[in-house]
Protein backbone atom coordinates (compact mmCIF):
# COMPACT_ATOMS: atom_id res chain seq x y z
CA MET A 1 108.28 70.69 125.78
CA ASN A 2 110.24 72.05 122.81
CA HIS A 3 112.08 69.76 120.41
CA LYS A 4 115.54 70.81 121.58
CA GLN A 5 114.78 70.00 125.22
CA ASN A 6 113.13 66.72 124.23
CA THR A 7 116.16 65.72 122.14
CA ARG A 8 118.54 66.57 124.97
CA ALA A 9 116.48 64.63 127.49
CA SER A 10 116.32 61.63 125.15
CA ALA A 11 120.10 61.67 124.75
CA ALA A 12 120.59 62.09 128.50
CA ASN A 13 118.33 59.07 129.10
CA THR A 14 120.60 57.01 126.87
CA PHE A 15 123.67 58.00 128.85
CA ILE A 16 121.87 57.52 132.19
CA ASP A 17 120.82 53.99 131.18
CA GLN A 18 124.36 53.26 130.06
CA LEU A 19 125.80 54.52 133.36
CA ASP A 20 123.28 52.48 135.36
CA SER A 21 124.27 49.33 133.46
CA TRP A 22 127.97 50.04 134.02
CA LEU A 23 127.46 50.66 137.75
CA HIS A 24 125.75 47.28 138.20
CA ARG A 25 128.52 45.52 136.29
CA ASP A 26 131.36 47.37 138.03
CA ALA A 27 129.85 46.91 141.50
CA ALA A 28 129.71 43.14 141.02
CA THR A 29 133.33 43.09 139.85
CA LEU A 30 134.62 45.31 142.66
CA ARG A 31 132.72 43.35 145.30
CA LYS A 32 134.56 40.17 144.28
CA LEU A 33 137.91 41.96 144.24
CA VAL A 34 137.30 43.35 147.74
CA GLU A 35 136.48 39.84 149.01
CA ARG A 36 139.74 38.54 147.52
CA GLY A 37 141.83 41.35 148.97
CA TYR A 38 142.67 43.11 145.71
CA ILE A 39 141.26 46.44 146.93
CA PRO A 40 142.69 47.69 150.26
CA PRO A 41 140.47 49.11 153.05
CA SER A 42 142.06 52.55 152.48
CA LEU A 43 140.10 52.81 149.23
CA HIS A 44 136.76 51.41 150.40
CA ALA A 45 135.21 54.67 151.69
CA VAL A 46 136.08 56.81 148.67
CA THR A 47 134.83 54.09 146.32
CA ARG A 48 131.51 53.91 148.19
CA GLN A 49 131.20 57.70 147.99
CA LEU A 50 131.71 57.60 144.23
CA PHE A 51 129.10 54.89 143.75
CA ASP A 52 126.64 56.60 146.09
CA GLN A 53 126.84 59.85 144.13
CA ALA A 54 126.60 58.06 140.78
CA ILE A 55 123.51 56.14 141.94
CA LYS A 56 121.97 59.37 143.28
CA THR A 57 122.54 60.99 139.88
CA VAL A 58 120.80 58.13 138.08
CA ASP A 59 117.86 58.03 140.52
CA GLN A 60 117.35 61.82 140.44
CA PHE A 61 117.22 61.95 136.66
CA ARG A 62 114.58 59.21 136.56
CA VAL A 63 112.27 61.31 138.76
CA ASN A 64 111.69 63.55 135.72
CA PRO A 65 113.17 61.78 132.66
CA GLU A 66 111.46 64.04 130.12
CA SER A 67 113.71 67.01 130.91
CA ILE A 68 117.11 67.91 132.30
CA THR A 69 116.56 69.80 135.56
CA LYS A 70 118.78 72.01 137.69
CA ALA A 71 118.91 69.16 140.21
CA ASP A 72 120.28 66.87 137.50
CA GLU A 73 122.94 69.41 136.59
CA LYS A 74 123.88 69.86 140.26
CA ASN A 75 124.16 66.09 140.79
CA VAL A 76 126.42 65.65 137.76
CA ASN A 77 128.64 68.52 138.91
CA THR A 78 128.87 66.90 142.35
CA LEU A 79 129.66 63.58 140.68
CA ARG A 80 132.52 65.19 138.76
CA THR A 81 133.90 66.64 142.00
CA THR A 82 133.57 63.27 143.73
CA LEU A 83 135.32 61.63 140.79
CA SER A 84 138.20 64.12 141.04
CA THR A 85 138.59 63.27 144.74
CA PHE A 86 138.50 59.57 143.87
CA ASP A 87 141.23 60.01 141.24
CA THR A 88 143.45 61.85 143.71
CA THR A 89 142.93 59.25 146.43
CA LEU A 90 143.67 56.45 143.99
CA LEU A 91 147.13 57.94 143.46
CA SER A 92 147.75 58.29 147.20
CA PHE A 93 147.41 54.68 148.36
CA PRO A 94 149.03 51.45 147.14
CA CYS A 95 146.69 48.98 145.47
CA PRO A 96 147.29 45.61 143.77
CA GLU A 97 147.36 45.93 139.99
CA ARG A 98 144.21 43.89 139.45
CA GLY A 99 142.18 46.03 141.84
CA LEU A 100 143.70 49.26 140.53
CA LYS A 101 142.78 48.38 136.97
CA ALA A 102 139.15 47.72 137.94
CA LEU A 103 138.90 50.95 139.93
CA LYS A 104 140.31 52.97 137.05
CA HIS A 105 137.84 51.29 134.71
CA THR A 106 134.96 52.38 136.95
CA ALA A 107 136.34 55.92 137.07
CA ASP A 108 136.61 56.00 133.27
CA ASP A 109 133.00 54.81 132.94
CA ILE A 110 131.78 57.65 135.14
CA ARG A 111 134.09 60.15 133.43
CA HIS A 112 132.63 59.10 130.06
CA PHE A 113 129.12 59.73 131.36
CA CYS A 114 129.98 63.14 132.84
CA HIS A 115 131.68 64.23 129.63
CA HIS A 116 128.74 63.33 127.40
CA PHE A 117 126.19 64.73 129.83
CA HIS A 118 128.12 68.01 129.82
CA LEU A 119 128.10 68.07 126.01
CA THR A 120 124.36 67.39 126.04
CA LEU A 121 123.68 70.13 128.56
CA HIS A 122 125.78 72.84 126.91
CA SER A 123 124.94 72.16 123.30
CA PHE A 124 123.51 75.50 122.14
CA THR A 125 125.76 77.56 119.89
CA PRO A 126 124.75 81.09 118.87
CA GLY A 127 125.39 82.51 115.40
CA ALA A 128 124.04 79.54 113.49
CA ARG A 129 121.82 78.60 110.56
CA LEU A 130 119.20 75.96 109.88
CA PRO A 131 120.82 72.77 108.60
CA ASN A 132 120.41 72.01 104.90
CA PRO A 133 119.14 69.45 104.10
CA PRO A 134 116.93 69.01 107.20
CA THR A 135 118.15 66.42 109.70
CA ASN A 136 116.36 63.07 109.86
CA HIS A 137 115.81 63.11 113.63
CA ALA A 138 114.81 59.44 113.84
CA ALA A 139 118.08 58.43 112.15
CA GLN A 140 120.02 60.90 114.30
CA ALA A 141 118.51 59.60 117.54
CA TYR A 142 119.14 55.98 116.56
CA TRP A 143 122.72 56.83 115.50
CA LEU A 144 123.36 58.44 118.91
CA LYS A 145 121.92 55.43 120.72
CA GLN A 146 124.26 53.11 118.82
CA ILE A 147 127.22 55.40 119.55
CA ALA A 148 126.42 55.14 123.27
CA THR A 149 125.71 51.39 123.16
CA LEU A 150 128.57 50.20 120.95
CA GLY A 151 131.17 52.86 121.69
CA SER A 152 133.48 53.48 124.62
CA SER A 153 135.28 56.43 126.18
CA LYS A 154 138.22 55.81 123.82
CA LYS A 155 136.62 54.65 120.57
CA VAL A 156 133.38 55.08 118.65
CA PRO A 157 132.00 52.69 116.00
CA GLY A 158 132.78 53.69 112.43
CA TRP A 159 130.46 54.60 109.56
CA LYS A 160 130.74 51.13 107.96
CA ILE A 161 129.34 49.60 111.17
CA LEU A 162 126.65 52.20 111.82
CA ASN A 163 125.29 52.75 108.32
CA PRO A 164 123.63 49.32 107.91
CA LEU A 165 122.20 49.54 111.45
CA VAL A 166 120.68 52.98 110.83
CA LEU A 167 119.38 51.91 107.41
CA LYS A 168 117.69 48.82 108.82
CA ALA A 169 116.16 50.62 111.80
CA THR A 170 115.04 53.88 110.18
CA GLY A 171 115.18 53.37 106.41
CA ASP A 172 117.61 56.28 106.12
CA ASP A 173 120.91 55.77 104.29
CA LEU A 174 123.50 57.35 106.58
CA LYS A 175 126.04 59.21 104.47
CA GLU A 176 129.67 58.99 105.55
CA ARG A 177 129.89 62.79 105.54
CA THR A 178 126.82 63.00 107.80
CA HIS A 179 128.45 60.53 110.18
CA ARG A 180 131.60 62.69 110.30
CA ASP A 181 129.55 65.88 110.76
CA TRP A 182 127.58 64.40 113.65
CA LEU A 183 130.75 63.18 115.35
CA ASN A 184 132.22 66.66 114.96
CA GLN A 185 129.09 68.28 116.37
CA LEU A 186 129.05 65.83 119.29
CA SER A 187 132.67 66.62 120.17
CA LYS A 188 131.99 70.39 120.00
CA GLY A 189 128.79 70.20 122.04
CA THR A 190 126.51 71.40 119.21
CA PHE A 191 124.94 68.05 118.29
CA PHE A 192 121.62 68.74 120.02
CA CYS A 193 121.03 72.15 118.45
CA LEU A 194 118.22 72.59 115.97
CA ILE A 195 120.54 74.97 114.13
CA GLN A 196 124.25 74.57 113.47
CA ARG A 197 127.05 77.09 113.09
CA ARG A 198 127.72 78.02 109.47
CA GLN A 199 130.78 76.19 108.12
């Protein structure tokens, strides 16, 4: 396996583990809300469909966690379509505020996963050069793991939080500029390239 594929698979594993953790947490919350009548029967089927597809996506990836397969890509695309249907249905039926908030939170969790998986999958950018100085891949991988663990769909931890964590774990002093560059690359979908577009 080449380094690029290995790096992508490692990042995807982080997001898969994060999604799996969120699904367990959200399922427990939603189950209680259903029992208390905060989620109407009109939304039960579409919610089950969303969870079923999300669980299928997690399970399929773990069949071959060392690479991102076509089956993984297909499952994530299906998950995005299922999520779109869920969003539309959520707008079509009345739901108590407490239940609606929890359902939207679950949708945002899955949306966050799909977004970052998409960035991971489509991260190659042509017309690029080798980075200078060379990237410390151990520090980069640990940085990404902390972004996934500590961050959310709306906010990522700042350099002042991440630098001491990266330094302690890898011995590499994370420069603030490097932190900004990696965030920029992550948002553009070029983070997992061995080479980066010339600035």
